[in-house]
Amino acid sequence: TAIYYCNAKIRSAYISYLDYWGQG
């Protein structure tokens, strides 16, 4: 039992990864 979140990590030229999240 929990709130489940979708996550995406995309490589960036300036940061190792950019994080994106769903609403849960």
mmCIF file of all heavy atoms, coordinates in Angstrom:
data_MODEL
# 
_entry.id   MODEL 
# 
loop_
_atom_site.group_PDB 
_atom_site.id 
_atom_site.type_symbol 
_atom_site.label_atom_id 
_atom_site.label_alt_id 
_atom_site.label_comp_id 
_atom_site.label_asym_id 
_atom_site.label_entity_id 
_atom_site.label_seq_id 
_atom_site.pdbx_PDB_ins_code 
_atom_site.Cartn_x 
_atom_site.Cartn_y 
_atom_site.Cartn_z 
_atom_site.occupancy 
_atom_site.B_iso_or_equiv 
_atom_site.pdbx_formal_charge 
_atom_site.auth_seq_id 
_atom_site.auth_comp_id 
_atom_site.auth_asym_id 
_atom_site.auth_atom_id 
_atom_site.pdbx_PDB_model_num 
ATOM 1   N N   . THR A 1 1  ? 0.834  -1.198 0.000   1.00 0.00 ? 1  THR A N   1 
ATOM 2   C CA  . THR A 1 1  ? 0.000  0.000  0.000   1.00 0.00 ? 1  THR A CA  1 
ATOM 3   C C   . THR A 1 1  ? 0.870  1.249  0.000   1.00 0.00 ? 1  THR A C   1 
ATOM 4   O O   . THR A 1 1  ? 1.714  1.427  0.874   1.00 0.00 ? 1  THR A O   1 
ATOM 5   C CB  . THR A 1 1  ? -0.931 0.012  1.212   1.00 0.00 ? 1  THR A CB  1 
ATOM 6   O OG1 . THR A 1 1  ? -1.840 -1.093 1.132   1.00 0.00 ? 1  THR A OG1 1 
ATOM 7   C CG2 . THR A 1 1  ? -1.734 1.300  1.267   1.00 0.00 ? 1  THR A CG2 1 
ATOM 8   N N   . ALA A 1 2  ? 0.676  2.106  -0.995  1.00 0.00 ? 2  ALA A N   1 
ATOM 9   C CA  . ALA A 1 2  ? 1.491  3.306  -1.144  1.00 0.00 ? 2  ALA A CA  1 
ATOM 10  C C   . ALA A 1 2  ? 0.988  4.109  -2.336  1.00 0.00 ? 2  ALA A C   1 
ATOM 11  O O   . ALA A 1 2  ? 0.154  3.639  -3.105  1.00 0.00 ? 2  ALA A O   1 
ATOM 12  C CB  . ALA A 1 2  ? 2.964  2.941  -1.354  1.00 0.00 ? 2  ALA A CB  1 
ATOM 13  N N   . ILE A 1 3  ? 1.517  5.310  -2.472  1.00 0.00 ? 3  ILE A N   1 
ATOM 14  C CA  . ILE A 1 3  ? 1.337  6.063  -3.701  1.00 0.00 ? 3  ILE A CA  1 
ATOM 15  C C   . ILE A 1 3  ? 2.491  5.690  -4.621  1.00 0.00 ? 3  ILE A C   1 
ATOM 16  O O   . ILE A 1 3  ? 3.655  5.767  -4.225  1.00 0.00 ? 3  ILE A O   1 
ATOM 17  C CB  . ILE A 1 3  ? 1.325  7.590  -3.459  1.00 0.00 ? 3  ILE A CB  1 
ATOM 18  C CG1 . ILE A 1 3  ? 0.198  7.958  -2.501  1.00 0.00 ? 3  ILE A CG1 1 
ATOM 19  C CG2 . ILE A 1 3  ? 1.169  8.338  -4.766  1.00 0.00 ? 3  ILE A CG2 1 
ATOM 20  C CD1 . ILE A 1 3  ? 0.190  9.424  -2.114  1.00 0.00 ? 3  ILE A CD1 1 
ATOM 21  N N   . TYR A 1 4  ? 2.169  5.282  -5.826  1.00 0.00 ? 4  TYR A N   1 
ATOM 22  C CA  . TYR A 1 4  ? 3.172  4.853  -6.792  1.00 0.00 ? 4  TYR A CA  1 
ATOM 23  C C   . TYR A 1 4  ? 3.399  5.952  -7.818  1.00 0.00 ? 4  TYR A C   1 
ATOM 24  O O   . TYR A 1 4  ? 2.445  6.505  -8.373  1.00 0.00 ? 4  TYR A O   1 
ATOM 25  C CB  . TYR A 1 4  ? 2.730  3.565  -7.480  1.00 0.00 ? 4  TYR A CB  1 
ATOM 26  C CG  . TYR A 1 4  ? 2.874  2.343  -6.599  1.00 0.00 ? 4  TYR A CG  1 
ATOM 27  C CD1 . TYR A 1 4  ? 2.032  2.142  -5.517  1.00 0.00 ? 4  TYR A CD1 1 
ATOM 28  C CD2 . TYR A 1 4  ? 3.874  1.400  -6.843  1.00 0.00 ? 4  TYR A CD2 1 
ATOM 29  C CE1 . TYR A 1 4  ? 2.178  1.040  -4.689  1.00 0.00 ? 4  TYR A CE1 1 
ATOM 30  C CE2 . TYR A 1 4  ? 4.022  0.290  -6.035  1.00 0.00 ? 4  TYR A CE2 1 
ATOM 31  C CZ  . TYR A 1 4  ? 3.172  0.117  -4.950  1.00 0.00 ? 4  TYR A CZ  1 
ATOM 32  O OH  . TYR A 1 4  ? 3.323  -0.990 -4.143  1.00 0.00 ? 4  TYR A OH  1 
ATOM 33  N N   . TYR A 1 5  ? 4.681  6.243  -8.082  1.00 0.00 ? 5  TYR A N   1 
ATOM 34  C CA  . TYR A 1 5  ? 5.064  7.322  -8.975  1.00 0.00 ? 5  TYR A CA  1 
ATOM 35  C C   . TYR A 1 5  ? 5.878  6.798  -10.150 1.00 0.00 ? 5  TYR A C   1 
ATOM 36  O O   . TYR A 1 5  ? 6.781  5.985  -9.975  1.00 0.00 ? 5  TYR A O   1 
ATOM 37  C CB  . TYR A 1 5  ? 5.910  8.365  -8.245  1.00 0.00 ? 5  TYR A CB  1 
ATOM 38  C CG  . TYR A 1 5  ? 5.202  9.072  -7.112  1.00 0.00 ? 5  TYR A CG  1 
ATOM 39  C CD1 . TYR A 1 5  ? 5.264  8.573  -5.811  1.00 0.00 ? 5  TYR A CD1 1 
ATOM 40  C CD2 . TYR A 1 5  ? 4.489  10.243 -7.340  1.00 0.00 ? 5  TYR A CD2 1 
ATOM 41  C CE1 . TYR A 1 5  ? 4.625  9.224  -4.770  1.00 0.00 ? 5  TYR A CE1 1 
ATOM 42  C CE2 . TYR A 1 5  ? 3.851  10.892 -6.300  1.00 0.00 ? 5  TYR A CE2 1 
ATOM 43  C CZ  . TYR A 1 5  ? 3.925  10.380 -5.017  1.00 0.00 ? 5  TYR A CZ  1 
ATOM 44  O OH  . TYR A 1 5  ? 3.300  11.028 -3.989  1.00 0.00 ? 5  TYR A OH  1 
ATOM 45  N N   . CYS A 1 6  ? 5.576  7.293  -11.323 1.00 0.00 ? 6  CYS A N   1 
ATOM 46  C CA  . CYS A 1 6  ? 6.367  7.024  -12.511 1.00 0.00 ? 6  CYS A CA  1 
ATOM 47  C C   . CYS A 1 6  ? 7.519  8.016  -12.577 1.00 0.00 ? 6  CYS A C   1 
ATOM 48  O O   . CYS A 1 6  ? 7.351  9.198  -12.280 1.00 0.00 ? 6  CYS A O   1 
ATOM 49  C CB  . CYS A 1 6  ? 5.481  7.149  -13.751 1.00 0.00 ? 6  CYS A CB  1 
ATOM 50  S SG  . CYS A 1 6  ? 6.333  6.938  -15.316 1.00 0.00 ? 6  CYS A SG  1 
ATOM 51  N N   . ASN A 1 7  ? 8.689  7.541  -12.968 1.00 0.00 ? 7  ASN A N   1 
ATOM 52  C CA  . ASN A 1 7  ? 9.876  8.388  -13.038 1.00 0.00 ? 7  ASN A CA  1 
ATOM 53  C C   . ASN A 1 7  ? 10.627 8.149  -14.342 1.00 0.00 ? 7  ASN A C   1 
ATOM 54  O O   . ASN A 1 7  ? 10.732 7.021  -14.816 1.00 0.00 ? 7  ASN A O   1 
ATOM 55  C CB  . ASN A 1 7  ? 10.795 8.098  -11.851 1.00 0.00 ? 7  ASN A CB  1 
ATOM 56  C CG  . ASN A 1 7  ? 12.143 8.778  -11.973 1.00 0.00 ? 7  ASN A CG  1 
ATOM 57  O OD1 . ASN A 1 7  ? 13.133 8.150  -12.363 1.00 0.00 ? 7  ASN A OD1 1 
ATOM 58  N ND2 . ASN A 1 7  ? 12.192 10.062 -11.637 1.00 0.00 ? 7  ASN A ND2 1 
ATOM 59  N N   . ALA A 1 8  ? 11.154 9.227  -14.907 1.00 0.00 ? 8  ALA A N   1 
ATOM 60  C CA  . ALA A 1 8  ? 12.006 9.147  -16.092 1.00 0.00 ? 8  ALA A CA  1 
ATOM 61  C C   . ALA A 1 8  ? 13.273 9.944  -15.847 1.00 0.00 ? 8  ALA A C   1 
ATOM 62  O O   . ALA A 1 8  ? 13.226 11.051 -15.309 1.00 0.00 ? 8  ALA A O   1 
ATOM 63  C CB  . ALA A 1 8  ? 11.276 9.679  -17.317 1.00 0.00 ? 8  ALA A CB  1 
ATOM 64  N N   . LYS A 1 9  ? 14.392 9.377  -16.230 1.00 0.00 ? 9  LYS A N   1 
ATOM 65  C CA  . LYS A 1 9  ? 15.686 10.041 -16.116 1.00 0.00 ? 9  LYS A CA  1 
ATOM 66  C C   . LYS A 1 9  ? 16.283 10.166 -17.510 1.00 0.00 ? 9  LYS A C   1 
ATOM 67  O O   . LYS A 1 9  ? 16.430 9.177  -18.211 1.00 0.00 ? 9  LYS A O   1 
ATOM 68  C CB  . LYS A 1 9  ? 16.619 9.252  -15.201 1.00 0.00 ? 9  LYS A CB  1 
ATOM 69  C CG  . LYS A 1 9  ? 16.100 9.063  -13.782 1.00 0.00 ? 9  LYS A CG  1 
ATOM 70  C CD  . LYS A 1 9  ? 17.108 8.314  -12.921 1.00 0.00 ? 9  LYS A CD  1 
ATOM 71  C CE  . LYS A 1 9  ? 16.534 8.001  -11.552 1.00 0.00 ? 9  LYS A CE  1 
ATOM 72  N NZ  . LYS A 1 9  ? 16.232 9.228  -10.779 1.00 0.00 ? 9  LYS A NZ  1 
ATOM 73  N N   . ILE A 1 10 ? 16.642 11.398 -17.879 1.00 0.00 ? 10 ILE A N   1 
ATOM 74  C CA  . ILE A 1 10 ? 17.168 11.680 -19.205 1.00 0.00 ? 10 ILE A CA  1 
ATOM 75  C C   . ILE A 1 10 ? 18.528 12.369 -19.086 1.00 0.00 ? 10 ILE A C   1 
ATOM 76  O O   . ILE A 1 10 ? 18.669 13.330 -18.324 1.00 0.00 ? 10 ILE A O   1 
ATOM 77  C CB  . ILE A 1 10 ? 16.196 12.552 -20.010 1.00 0.00 ? 10 ILE A CB  1 
ATOM 78  C CG1 . ILE A 1 10 ? 14.844 11.839 -20.142 1.00 0.00 ? 10 ILE A CG1 1 
ATOM 79  C CG2 . ILE A 1 10 ? 16.764 12.868 -21.385 1.00 0.00 ? 10 ILE A CG2 1 
ATOM 80  C CD1 . ILE A 1 10 ? 13.793 12.641 -20.867 1.00 0.00 ? 10 ILE A CD1 1 
ATOM 81  N N   . ARG A 1 11 ? 19.505 11.887 -19.838 1.00 0.00 ? 11 ARG A N   1 
ATOM 82  C CA  . ARG A 1 11 ? 20.846 12.455 -19.800 1.00 0.00 ? 11 ARG A CA  1 
ATOM 83  C C   . ARG A 1 11 ? 20.832 13.906 -20.250 1.00 0.00 ? 11 ARG A C   1 
ATOM 84  O O   . ARG A 1 11 ? 20.154 14.275 -21.210 1.00 0.00 ? 11 ARG A O   1 
ATOM 85  C CB  . ARG A 1 11 ? 21.784 11.652 -20.689 1.00 0.00 ? 11 ARG A CB  1 
ATOM 86  C CG  . ARG A 1 11 ? 22.148 10.278 -20.152 1.00 0.00 ? 11 ARG A CG  1 
ATOM 87  C CD  . ARG A 1 11 ? 23.145 10.392 -18.999 1.00 0.00 ? 11 ARG A CD  1 
ATOM 88  N NE  . ARG A 1 11 ? 24.358 11.069 -19.378 1.00 0.00 ? 11 ARG A NE  1 
ATOM 89  C CZ  . ARG A 1 11 ? 25.403 10.490 -19.983 1.00 0.00 ? 11 ARG A CZ  1 
ATOM 90  N NH1 . ARG A 1 11 ? 25.365 9.190  -20.268 1.00 0.00 ? 11 ARG A NH1 1 
ATOM 91  N NH2 . ARG A 1 11 ? 26.477 11.201 -20.289 1.00 0.00 ? 11 ARG A NH2 1 
ATOM 92  N N   . SER A 1 12 ? 21.609 14.720 -19.541 1.00 0.00 ? 12 SER A N   1 
ATOM 93  C CA  . SER A 1 12 ? 21.726 16.137 -19.837 1.00 0.00 ? 12 SER A CA  1 
ATOM 94  C C   . SER A 1 12 ? 23.186 16.489 -20.074 1.00 0.00 ? 12 SER A C   1 
ATOM 95  O O   . SER A 1 12 ? 24.091 15.866 -19.505 1.00 0.00 ? 12 SER A O   1 
ATOM 96  C CB  . SER A 1 12 ? 21.164 16.978 -18.691 1.00 0.00 ? 12 SER A CB  1 
ATOM 97  O OG  . SER A 1 12 ? 21.491 18.346 -18.846 1.00 0.00 ? 12 SER A OG  1 
ATOM 98  N N   . ALA A 1 13 ? 23.417 17.507 -20.893 1.00 0.00 ? 13 ALA A N   1 
ATOM 99  C CA  . ALA A 1 13 ? 24.781 17.965 -21.138 1.00 0.00 ? 13 ALA A CA  1 
ATOM 100 C C   . ALA A 1 13 ? 25.356 18.681 -19.930 1.00 0.00 ? 13 ALA A C   1 
ATOM 101 O O   . ALA A 1 13 ? 26.577 18.816 -19.813 1.00 0.00 ? 13 ALA A O   1 
ATOM 102 C CB  . ALA A 1 13 ? 24.811 18.883 -22.349 1.00 0.00 ? 13 ALA A CB  1 
ATOM 103 N N   . TYR A 1 14 ? 24.482 19.139 -19.033 1.00 0.00 ? 14 TYR A N   1 
ATOM 104 C CA  . TYR A 1 14 ? 24.918 19.933 -17.887 1.00 0.00 ? 14 TYR A CA  1 
ATOM 105 C C   . TYR A 1 14 ? 24.784 19.201 -16.551 1.00 0.00 ? 14 TYR A C   1 
ATOM 106 O O   . TYR A 1 14 ? 25.515 19.501 -15.612 1.00 0.00 ? 14 TYR A O   1 
ATOM 107 C CB  . TYR A 1 14 ? 24.116 21.232 -17.829 1.00 0.00 ? 14 TYR A CB  1 
ATOM 108 C CG  . TYR A 1 14 ? 24.082 21.958 -19.145 1.00 0.00 ? 14 TYR A CG  1 
ATOM 109 C CD1 . TYR A 1 14 ? 22.952 21.926 -19.956 1.00 0.00 ? 14 TYR A CD1 1 
ATOM 110 C CD2 . TYR A 1 14 ? 25.191 22.668 -19.593 1.00 0.00 ? 14 TYR A CD2 1 
ATOM 111 C CE1 . TYR A 1 14 ? 22.925 22.579 -21.172 1.00 0.00 ? 14 TYR A CE1 1 
ATOM 112 C CE2 . TYR A 1 14 ? 25.168 23.321 -20.811 1.00 0.00 ? 14 TYR A CE2 1 
ATOM 113 C CZ  . TYR A 1 14 ? 24.040 23.272 -21.594 1.00 0.00 ? 14 TYR A CZ  1 
ATOM 114 O OH  . TYR A 1 14 ? 24.019 23.921 -22.803 1.00 0.00 ? 14 TYR A OH  1 
ATOM 115 N N   . ILE A 1 15 ? 23.856 18.280 -16.465 1.00 0.00 ? 15 ILE A N   1 
ATOM 116 C CA  . ILE A 1 15 ? 23.614 17.499 -15.261 1.00 0.00 ? 15 ILE A CA  1 
ATOM 117 C C   . ILE A 1 15 ? 23.610 16.031 -15.655 1.00 0.00 ? 15 ILE A C   1 
ATOM 118 O O   . ILE A 1 15 ? 23.251 15.685 -16.772 1.00 0.00 ? 15 ILE A O   1 
ATOM 119 C CB  . ILE A 1 15 ? 22.273 17.888 -14.604 1.00 0.00 ? 15 ILE A CB  1 
ATOM 120 C CG1 . ILE A 1 15 ? 22.203 19.398 -14.401 1.00 0.00 ? 15 ILE A CG1 1 
ATOM 121 C CG2 . ILE A 1 15 ? 22.086 17.176 -13.268 1.00 0.00 ? 15 ILE A CG2 1 
ATOM 122 C CD1 . ILE A 1 15 ? 20.851 19.884 -13.912 1.00 0.00 ? 15 ILE A CD1 1 
ATOM 123 N N   . SER A 1 16 ? 24.010 15.170 -14.732 1.00 0.00 ? 16 SER A N   1 
ATOM 124 C CA  . SER A 1 16 ? 24.069 13.746 -15.048 1.00 0.00 ? 16 SER A CA  1 
ATOM 125 C C   . SER A 1 16 ? 22.741 13.233 -15.616 1.00 0.00 ? 16 SER A C   1 
ATOM 126 O O   . SER A 1 16 ? 22.717 12.567 -16.658 1.00 0.00 ? 16 SER A O   1 
ATOM 127 C CB  . SER A 1 16 ? 24.479 12.950 -13.809 1.00 0.00 ? 16 SER A CB  1 
ATOM 128 O OG  . SER A 1 16 ? 23.578 13.158 -12.748 1.00 0.00 ? 16 SER A OG  1 
ATOM 129 N N   . TYR A 1 17 ? 21.631 13.540 -14.942 1.00 0.00 ? 17 TYR A N   1 
ATOM 130 C CA  . TYR A 1 17 ? 20.299 13.171 -15.389 1.00 0.00 ? 17 TYR A CA  1 
ATOM 131 C C   . TYR A 1 17 ? 19.298 14.245 -14.998 1.00 0.00 ? 17 TYR A C   1 
ATOM 132 O O   . TYR A 1 17 ? 19.428 14.874 -13.947 1.00 0.00 ? 17 TYR A O   1 
ATOM 133 C CB  . TYR A 1 17 ? 19.840 11.844 -14.770 1.00 0.00 ? 17 TYR A CB  1 
ATOM 134 C CG  . TYR A 1 17 ? 20.504 10.614 -15.337 1.00 0.00 ? 17 TYR A CG  1 
ATOM 135 C CD1 . TYR A 1 17 ? 21.593 10.045 -14.701 1.00 0.00 ? 17 TYR A CD1 1 
ATOM 136 C CD2 . TYR A 1 17 ? 20.028 10.017 -16.499 1.00 0.00 ? 17 TYR A CD2 1 
ATOM 137 C CE1 . TYR A 1 17 ? 22.206 8.913  -15.218 1.00 0.00 ? 17 TYR A CE1 1 
ATOM 138 C CE2 . TYR A 1 17 ? 20.634 8.892  -17.017 1.00 0.00 ? 17 TYR A CE2 1 
ATOM 139 C CZ  . TYR A 1 17 ? 21.722 8.343  -16.379 1.00 0.00 ? 17 TYR A CZ  1 
ATOM 140 O OH  . TYR A 1 17 ? 22.326 7.217  -16.891 1.00 0.00 ? 17 TYR A OH  1 
ATOM 141 N N   . LEU A 1 18 ? 18.291 14.436 -15.846 1.00 0.00 ? 18 LEU A N   1 
ATOM 142 C CA  . LEU A 1 18 ? 17.138 15.247 -15.503 1.00 0.00 ? 18 LEU A CA  1 
ATOM 143 C C   . LEU A 1 18 ? 16.016 14.308 -15.090 1.00 0.00 ? 18 LEU A C   1 
ATOM 144 O O   . LEU A 1 18 ? 15.761 13.314 -15.766 1.00 0.00 ? 18 LEU A O   1 
ATOM 145 C CB  . LEU A 1 18 ? 16.686 16.100 -16.688 1.00 0.00 ? 18 LEU A CB  1 
ATOM 146 C CG  . LEU A 1 18 ? 17.631 17.228 -17.124 1.00 0.00 ? 18 LEU A CG  1 
ATOM 147 C CD1 . LEU A 1 18 ? 17.085 17.885 -18.387 1.00 0.00 ? 18 LEU A CD1 1 
ATOM 148 C CD2 . LEU A 1 18 ? 17.797 18.248 -16.018 1.00 0.00 ? 18 LEU A CD2 1 
ATOM 149 N N   . ASP A 1 19 ? 15.352 14.615 -13.979 1.00 0.00 ? 19 ASP A N   1 
ATOM 150 C CA  . ASP A 1 19 ? 14.292 13.773 -13.443 1.00 0.00 ? 19 ASP A CA  1 
ATOM 151 C C   . ASP A 1 19 ? 12.912 14.333 -13.773 1.00 0.00 ? 19 ASP A C   1 
ATOM 152 O O   . ASP A 1 19 ? 12.664 15.529 -13.625 1.00 0.00 ? 19 ASP A O   1 
ATOM 153 C CB  . ASP A 1 19 ? 14.416 13.647 -11.928 1.00 0.00 ? 19 ASP A CB  1 
ATOM 154 C CG  . ASP A 1 19 ? 15.331 12.516 -11.511 1.00 0.00 ? 19 ASP A CG  1 
ATOM 155 O OD1 . ASP A 1 19 ? 14.972 11.353 -11.777 1.00 0.00 ? 19 ASP A OD1 1 
ATOM 156 O OD2 . ASP A 1 19 ? 16.386 12.806 -10.919 1.00 0.00 ? 19 ASP A OD2 1 
ATOM 157 N N   . TYR A 1 20 ? 12.022 13.448 -14.201 1.00 0.00 ? 20 TYR A N   1 
ATOM 158 C CA  . TYR A 1 20 ? 10.632 13.794 -14.448 1.00 0.00 ? 20 TYR A CA  1 
ATOM 159 C C   . TYR A 1 20 ? 9.749  12.825 -13.682 1.00 0.00 ? 20 TYR A C   1 
ATOM 160 O O   . TYR A 1 20 ? 10.055 11.631 -13.581 1.00 0.00 ? 20 TYR A O   1 
ATOM 161 C CB  . TYR A 1 20 ? 10.305 13.730 -15.943 1.00 0.00 ? 20 TYR A CB  1 
ATOM 162 C CG  . TYR A 1 20 ? 11.128 14.687 -16.774 1.00 0.00 ? 20 TYR A CG  1 
ATOM 163 C CD1 . TYR A 1 20 ? 12.357 14.302 -17.285 1.00 0.00 ? 20 TYR A CD1 1 
ATOM 164 C CD2 . TYR A 1 20 ? 10.677 15.980 -17.029 1.00 0.00 ? 20 TYR A CD2 1 
ATOM 165 C CE1 . TYR A 1 20 ? 13.126 15.176 -18.040 1.00 0.00 ? 20 TYR A CE1 1 
ATOM 166 C CE2 . TYR A 1 20 ? 11.437 16.862 -17.783 1.00 0.00 ? 20 TYR A CE2 1 
ATOM 167 C CZ  . TYR A 1 20 ? 12.662 16.456 -18.283 1.00 0.00 ? 20 TYR A CZ  1 
ATOM 168 O OH  . TYR A 1 20 ? 13.417 17.330 -19.030 1.00 0.00 ? 20 TYR A OH  1 
ATOM 169 N N   . TRP A 1 21 ? 8.642  13.341 -13.145 1.00 0.00 ? 21 TRP A N   1 
ATOM 170 C CA  . TRP A 1 21 ? 7.752  12.542 -12.299 1.00 0.00 ? 21 TRP A CA  1 
ATOM 171 C C   . TRP A 1 21 ? 6.310  12.641 -12.739 1.00 0.00 ? 21 TRP A C   1 
ATOM 172 O O   . TRP A 1 21 ? 5.852  13.689 -13.206 1.00 0.00 ? 21 TRP A O   1 
ATOM 173 C CB  . TRP A 1 21 ? 7.843  13.006 -10.841 1.00 0.00 ? 21 TRP A CB  1 
ATOM 174 C CG  . TRP A 1 21 ? 9.186  12.795 -10.222 1.00 0.00 ? 21 TRP A CG  1 
ATOM 175 C CD1 . TRP A 1 21 ? 10.227 13.677 -10.210 1.00 0.00 ? 21 TRP A CD1 1 
ATOM 176 C CD2 . TRP A 1 21 ? 9.627  11.638 -9.520  1.00 0.00 ? 21 TRP A CD2 1 
ATOM 177 N NE1 . TRP A 1 21 ? 11.299 13.133 -9.543  1.00 0.00 ? 21 TRP A NE1 1 
ATOM 178 C CE2 . TRP A 1 21 ? 10.956 11.882 -9.107  1.00 0.00 ? 21 TRP A CE2 1 
ATOM 179 C CE3 . TRP A 1 21 ? 9.028  10.414 -9.196  1.00 0.00 ? 21 TRP A CE3 1 
ATOM 180 C CZ2 . TRP A 1 21 ? 11.699 10.943 -8.387  1.00 0.00 ? 21 TRP A CZ2 1 
ATOM 181 C CZ3 . TRP A 1 21 ? 9.761  9.488  -8.484  1.00 0.00 ? 21 TRP A CZ3 1 
ATOM 182 C CH2 . TRP A 1 21 ? 11.081 9.756  -8.088  1.00 0.00 ? 21 TRP A CH2 1 
ATOM 183 N N   . GLY A 1 22 ? 5.581  11.548 -12.571 1.00 0.00 ? 22 GLY A N   1 
ATOM 184 C CA  . GLY A 1 22 ? 4.145  11.571 -12.748 1.00 0.00 ? 22 GLY A CA  1 
ATOM 185 C C   . GLY A 1 22 ? 3.471  12.087 -11.493 1.00 0.00 ? 22 GLY A C   1 
ATOM 186 O O   . GLY A 1 22 ? 4.125  12.407 -10.495 1.00 0.00 ? 22 GLY A O   1 
ATOM 187 N N   . GLN A 1 23 ? 2.144  12.174 -11.533 1.00 0.00 ? 23 GLN A N   1 
ATOM 188 C CA  . GLN A 1 23 ? 1.398  12.743 -10.414 1.00 0.00 ? 23 GLN A CA  1 
ATOM 189 C C   . GLN A 1 23 ? 1.182  11.763 -9.272  1.00 0.00 ? 23 GLN A C   1 
ATOM 190 O O   . GLN A 1 23 ? 0.819  12.165 -8.166  1.00 0.00 ? 23 GLN A O   1 
ATOM 191 C CB  . GLN A 1 23 ? 0.032  13.252 -10.907 1.00 0.00 ? 23 GLN A CB  1 
ATOM 192 C CG  . GLN A 1 23 ? -1.021 12.169 -11.145 1.00 0.00 ? 23 GLN A CG  1 
ATOM 193 C CD  . GLN A 1 23 ? -0.807 11.386 -12.430 1.00 0.00 ? 23 GLN A CD  1 
ATOM 194 O OE1 . GLN A 1 23 ? 0.100  11.655 -13.214 1.00 0.00 ? 23 GLN A OE1 1 
ATOM 195 N NE2 . GLN A 1 23 ? -1.670 10.392 -12.651 1.00 0.00 ? 23 GLN A NE2 1 
ATOM 196 N N   . GLY A 1 24 ? 1.403  10.490 -9.519  1.00 0.00 ? 24 GLY A N   1 
ATOM 197 C CA  . GLY A 1 24 ? 1.207  9.464  -8.517  1.00 0.00 ? 24 GLY A CA  1 
ATOM 198 C C   . GLY A 1 24 ? -0.174 8.836  -8.603  1.00 0.00 ? 24 GLY A C   1 
ATOM 199 O O   . GLY A 1 24 ? -1.149 9.490  -8.951  1.00 0.00 ? 24 GLY A O   1 
# 
